[in-house]
């Protein structure tokens, strides 16, 4: 079975000469009607964040040196990434300082400081997020 080549066949109706109105069939389709707004994919109704979950997401991985997850959960992406990266920068600086003994003191102090600061920041972020959610300023 051969199909007609649309590039070789001529138009179905002759084209009108310039200045003459088109005498073909009128448009039979539906008139344009703008649709409603579609929901943005991935955005459902805003749900309050759990402060306990944010603190747990900071503490439990923080025991293994992974900080910032609770802040990311709380909606503070930049703070979470800064906590993740800066801890490891300070960790390796402190590892190098262990060769001159001071690192044995500063390494645990850095870890404890992050173990305290991370959950506090995550808790404040969830409280701020939930208050903005309740006031409708999200």
C-alpha atoms as a PDB file:
ATOM      1  CA  UNK A   1       0.000   0.000   0.000  1.00  0.00           C
ATOM      2  CA  UNK A   2       1.402   3.336  -0.977  1.00  0.00           C
ATOM      3  CA  UNK A   3       0.584   6.529   0.816  1.00  0.00           C
ATOM      4  CA  UNK A   4       0.270   9.824  -1.003  1.00  0.00           C
ATOM      5  CA  UNK A   5       3.195  12.155  -0.540  1.00  0.00           C
ATOM      6  CA  UNK A   6       1.828  15.403   0.959  1.00  0.00           C
ATOM      7  CA  UNK A   7       4.748  17.344  -0.492  1.00  0.00           C
ATOM      8  CA  UNK A   8       3.970  16.319  -4.054  1.00  0.00           C
ATOM      9  CA  UNK A   9       0.187  16.623  -4.093  1.00  0.00           C
ATOM     10  CA  UNK A  10      -1.342  20.032  -4.687  1.00  0.00           C
ATOM     11  CA  UNK A  11      -3.777  21.825  -2.407  1.00  0.00           C
ATOM     12  CA  UNK A  12      -7.270  20.358  -2.081  1.00  0.00           C
ATOM     13  CA  UNK A  13      -8.888  23.640  -3.111  1.00  0.00           C
ATOM     14  CA  UNK A  14      -7.366  26.213  -5.339  1.00  0.00           C
ATOM     15  CA  UNK A  15      -5.905  29.155  -3.503  1.00  0.00           C
ATOM     16  CA  UNK A  16      -7.786  32.430  -4.047  1.00  0.00           C
ATOM     17  CA  UNK A  17      -6.129  35.141  -6.004  1.00  0.00           C
ATOM     18  CA  UNK A  18      -4.855  38.044  -3.986  1.00  0.00           C
ATOM     19  CA  UNK A  19      -7.627  40.368  -2.889  1.00  0.00           C
ATOM     20  CA  UNK A  20     -10.351  37.724  -3.213  1.00  0.00           C
ATOM     21  CA  UNK A  21     -11.988  36.311  -0.060  1.00  0.00           C
ATOM     22  CA  UNK A  22     -11.541  32.663   0.813  1.00  0.00           C
ATOM     23  CA  UNK A  23     -14.557  30.637  -0.312  1.00  0.00           C
ATOM     24  CA  UNK A  24     -13.758  27.330   1.409  1.00  0.00           C
ATOM     25  CA  UNK A  25     -15.542  25.669   4.323  1.00  0.00           C
ATOM     26  CA  UNK A  26     -15.797  27.708   7.542  1.00  0.00           C
ATOM     27  CA  UNK A  27     -13.909  26.487  10.590  1.00  0.00           C
ATOM     28  CA  UNK A  28     -15.977  23.813  12.326  1.00  0.00           C
ATOM     29  CA  UNK A  29     -13.861  23.325  15.462  1.00  0.00           C
ATOM     30  CA  UNK A  30     -14.534  24.599  18.948  1.00  0.00           C
ATOM     31  CA  UNK A  31     -13.851  28.266  19.658  1.00  0.00           C
ATOM     32  CA  UNK A  32     -10.878  29.003  21.880  1.00  0.00           C
ATOM     33  CA  UNK A  33     -11.748  28.869  25.540  1.00  0.00           C
ATOM     34  CA  UNK A  34      -8.918  29.418  28.025  1.00  0.00           C
ATOM     35  CA  UNK A  35      -8.719  26.634  30.555  1.00  0.00           C
ATOM     36  CA  UNK A  36      -8.394  26.973  34.296  1.00  0.00           C
ATOM     37  CA  UNK A  37      -5.071  27.072  36.035  1.00  0.00           C
ATOM     38  CA  UNK A  38      -3.437  23.681  36.313  1.00  0.00           C
ATOM     39  CA  UNK A  39      -1.746  22.729  39.586  1.00  0.00           C
ATOM     40  CA  UNK A  40       2.030  22.951  39.653  1.00  0.00           C
ATOM     41  CA  UNK A  41       3.462  19.426  39.596  1.00  0.00           C
ATOM     42  CA  UNK A  42       5.035  18.409  42.877  1.00  0.00           C
ATOM     43  CA  UNK A  43       3.265  21.034  44.945  1.00  0.00           C
ATOM     44  CA  UNK A  44       0.418  19.745  47.015  1.00  0.00           C
ATOM     45  CA  UNK A  45      -1.216  21.467  49.924  1.00  0.00           C
ATOM     46  CA  UNK A  46       1.289  22.902  52.388  1.00  0.00           C
ATOM     47  CA  UNK A  47       1.716  20.675  55.424  1.00  0.00           C
ATOM     48  CA  UNK A  48       3.269  21.787  58.715  1.00  0.00           C
ATOM     49  CA  UNK A  49       6.764  20.426  59.367  1.00  0.00           C
ATOM     50  CA  UNK A  50       7.474  18.356  62.453  1.00  0.00           C
ATOM     51  CA  UNK A  51      10.004  19.963  64.782  1.00  0.00           C
ATOM     52  CA  UNK A  52      10.813  16.552  66.277  1.00  0.00           C
ATOM     53  CA  UNK A  53      11.569  15.115  62.854  1.00  0.00           C
ATOM     54  CA  UNK A  54      13.825  18.060  62.000  1.00  0.00           C
ATOM     55  CA  UNK A  55      15.786  17.690  65.241  1.00  0.00           C
ATOM     56  CA  UNK A  56      16.053  13.907  64.800  1.00  0.00           C
ATOM     57  CA  UNK A  57      17.265  14.388  61.220  1.00  0.00           C
ATOM     58  CA  UNK A  58      20.031  16.588  62.598  1.00  0.00           C
ATOM     59  CA  UNK A  59      21.005  14.471  65.594  1.00  0.00           C
ATOM     60  CA  UNK A  60      20.997  10.915  64.273  1.00  0.00           C
ATOM     61  CA  UNK A  61      23.032  11.489  61.081  1.00  0.00           C
ATOM     62  CA  UNK A  62      25.066  14.084  63.013  1.00  0.00           C
ATOM     63  CA  UNK A  63      26.383  11.321  65.245  1.00  0.00           C
ATOM     64  CA  UNK A  64      28.121  10.051  62.100  1.00  0.00           C
ATOM     65  CA  UNK A  65      29.259  13.497  60.941  1.00  0.00           C
ATOM     66  CA  UNK A  66      26.434  14.210  58.487  1.00  0.00           C
ATOM     67  CA  UNK A  67      24.888  17.539  59.446  1.00  0.00           C
ATOM     68  CA  UNK A  68      22.291  19.702  57.716  1.00  0.00           C
ATOM     69  CA  UNK A  69      19.606  17.161  56.791  1.00  0.00           C
ATOM     70  CA  UNK A  70      17.175  18.490  59.391  1.00  0.00           C
ATOM     71  CA  UNK A  71      17.633  22.027  58.121  1.00  0.00           C
ATOM     72  CA  UNK A  72      16.985  20.904  54.562  1.00  0.00           C
ATOM     73  CA  UNK A  73      13.816  19.172  55.782  1.00  0.00           C
ATOM     74  CA  UNK A  74      12.778  22.383  57.550  1.00  0.00           C
ATOM     75  CA  UNK A  75      13.055  24.314  54.286  1.00  0.00           C
ATOM     76  CA  UNK A  76      16.454  25.939  54.842  1.00  0.00           C
ATOM     77  CA  UNK A  77      18.363  24.403  51.930  1.00  0.00           C
ATOM     78  CA  UNK A  78      21.287  26.835  52.024  1.00  0.00           C
ATOM     79  CA  UNK A  79      21.765  26.458  55.780  1.00  0.00           C
ATOM     80  CA  UNK A  80      21.723  22.670  55.475  1.00  0.00           C
ATOM     81  CA  UNK A  81      24.305  22.639  52.686  1.00  0.00           C
ATOM     82  CA  UNK A  82      26.520  25.113  54.549  1.00  0.00           C
ATOM     83  CA  UNK A  83      26.387  22.882  57.637  1.00  0.00           C
ATOM     84  CA  UNK A  84      27.267  19.797  55.598  1.00  0.00           C
ATOM     85  CA  UNK A  85      30.187  21.314  53.743  1.00  0.00           C
ATOM     86  CA  UNK A  86      31.618  23.435  56.560  1.00  0.00           C
ATOM     87  CA  UNK A  87      31.683  20.545  59.029  1.00  0.00           C
ATOM     88  CA  UNK A  88      33.853  18.493  56.708  1.00  0.00           C
ATOM     89  CA  UNK A  89      36.130  21.452  55.969  1.00  0.00           C
ATOM     90  CA  UNK A  90      36.657  21.992  59.700  1.00  0.00           C
ATOM     91  CA  UNK A  91      36.977  18.253  60.252  1.00  0.00           C
ATOM     92  CA  UNK A  92      39.941  17.960  57.871  1.00  0.00           C
ATOM     93  CA  UNK A  93      41.522  21.115  59.257  1.00  0.00           C
ATOM     94  CA  UNK A  94      41.245  19.588  62.727  1.00  0.00           C
ATOM     95  CA  UNK A  95      42.683  16.283  61.464  1.00  0.00           C
ATOM     96  CA  UNK A  96      45.712  18.202  60.213  1.00  0.00           C
ATOM     97  CA  UNK A  97      45.917  20.006  63.549  1.00  0.00           C
ATOM     98  CA  UNK A  98      46.137  16.684  65.373  1.00  0.00           C
ATOM     99  CA  UNK A  99      49.773  16.537  64.234  1.00  0.00           C
ATOM    100  CA  UNK A 100      50.496  19.522  66.477  1.00  0.00           C
ATOM    101  CA  UNK A 101      48.258  18.185  69.285  1.00  0.00           C
ATOM    102  CA  UNK A 102      45.695  21.036  69.280  1.00  0.00           C
ATOM    103  CA  UNK A 103      43.491  19.047  66.875  1.00  0.00           C
ATOM    104  CA  UNK A 104      42.817  16.495  69.627  1.00  0.00           C
ATOM    105  CA  UNK A 105      41.004  19.266  71.481  1.00  0.00           C
ATOM    106  CA  UNK A 106      39.391  21.174  68.591  1.00  0.00           C
ATOM    107  CA  UNK A 107      38.079  18.144  66.684  1.00  0.00           C
ATOM    108  CA  UNK A 108      35.644  16.960  69.398  1.00  0.00           C
ATOM    109  CA  UNK A 109      34.735  20.575  70.192  1.00  0.00           C
ATOM    110  CA  UNK A 110      33.811  21.189  66.548  1.00  0.00           C
ATOM    111  CA  UNK A 111      31.722  18.019  66.415  1.00  0.00           C
ATOM    112  CA  UNK A 112      29.850  18.926  69.621  1.00  0.00           C
ATOM    113  CA  UNK A 113      29.296  22.503  68.394  1.00  0.00           C
ATOM    114  CA  UNK A 114      27.699  21.214  65.200  1.00  0.00           C
ATOM    115  CA  UNK A 115      25.730  18.604  67.163  1.00  0.00           C
ATOM    116  CA  UNK A 116      24.209  21.444  69.212  1.00  0.00           C
ATOM    117  CA  UNK A 117      23.892  24.180  66.559  1.00  0.00           C
ATOM    118  CA  UNK A 118      22.360  21.990  63.836  1.00  0.00           C
ATOM    119  CA  UNK A 119      19.281  20.875  65.799  1.00  0.00           C
ATOM    120  CA  UNK A 120      18.762  24.369  67.242  1.00  0.00           C
ATOM    121  CA  UNK A 121      18.793  25.889  63.749  1.00  0.00           C
ATOM    122  CA  UNK A 122      16.473  23.151  62.448  1.00  0.00           C
ATOM    123  CA  UNK A 123      14.046  23.699  65.327  1.00  0.00           C
ATOM    124  CA  UNK A 124      13.922  27.449  64.703  1.00  0.00           C
ATOM    125  CA  UNK A 125      13.472  26.881  60.973  1.00  0.00           C
ATOM    126  CA  UNK A 126      10.497  24.560  61.499  1.00  0.00           C
ATOM    127  CA  UNK A 127       8.907  27.025  63.930  1.00  0.00           C
ATOM    128  CA  UNK A 128       9.374  29.846  61.418  1.00  0.00           C
ATOM    129  CA  UNK A 129       8.015  27.687  58.570  1.00  0.00           C
ATOM    130  CA  UNK A 130       4.951  26.631  60.567  1.00  0.00           C
ATOM    131  CA  UNK A 131       4.197  30.180  61.739  1.00  0.00           C
ATOM    132  CA  UNK A 132       4.410  31.456  58.154  1.00  0.00           C
ATOM    133  CA  UNK A 133       2.193  28.597  57.047  1.00  0.00           C
ATOM    134  CA  UNK A 134      -0.456  29.443  59.629  1.00  0.00           C
ATOM    135  CA  UNK A 135      -0.371  33.151  58.847  1.00  0.00           C
ATOM    136  CA  UNK A 136      -0.664  32.452  55.093  1.00  0.00           C
ATOM    137  CA  UNK A 137       2.608  34.156  54.132  1.00  0.00           C
ATOM    138  CA  UNK A 138       4.198  31.156  52.508  1.00  0.00           C
END
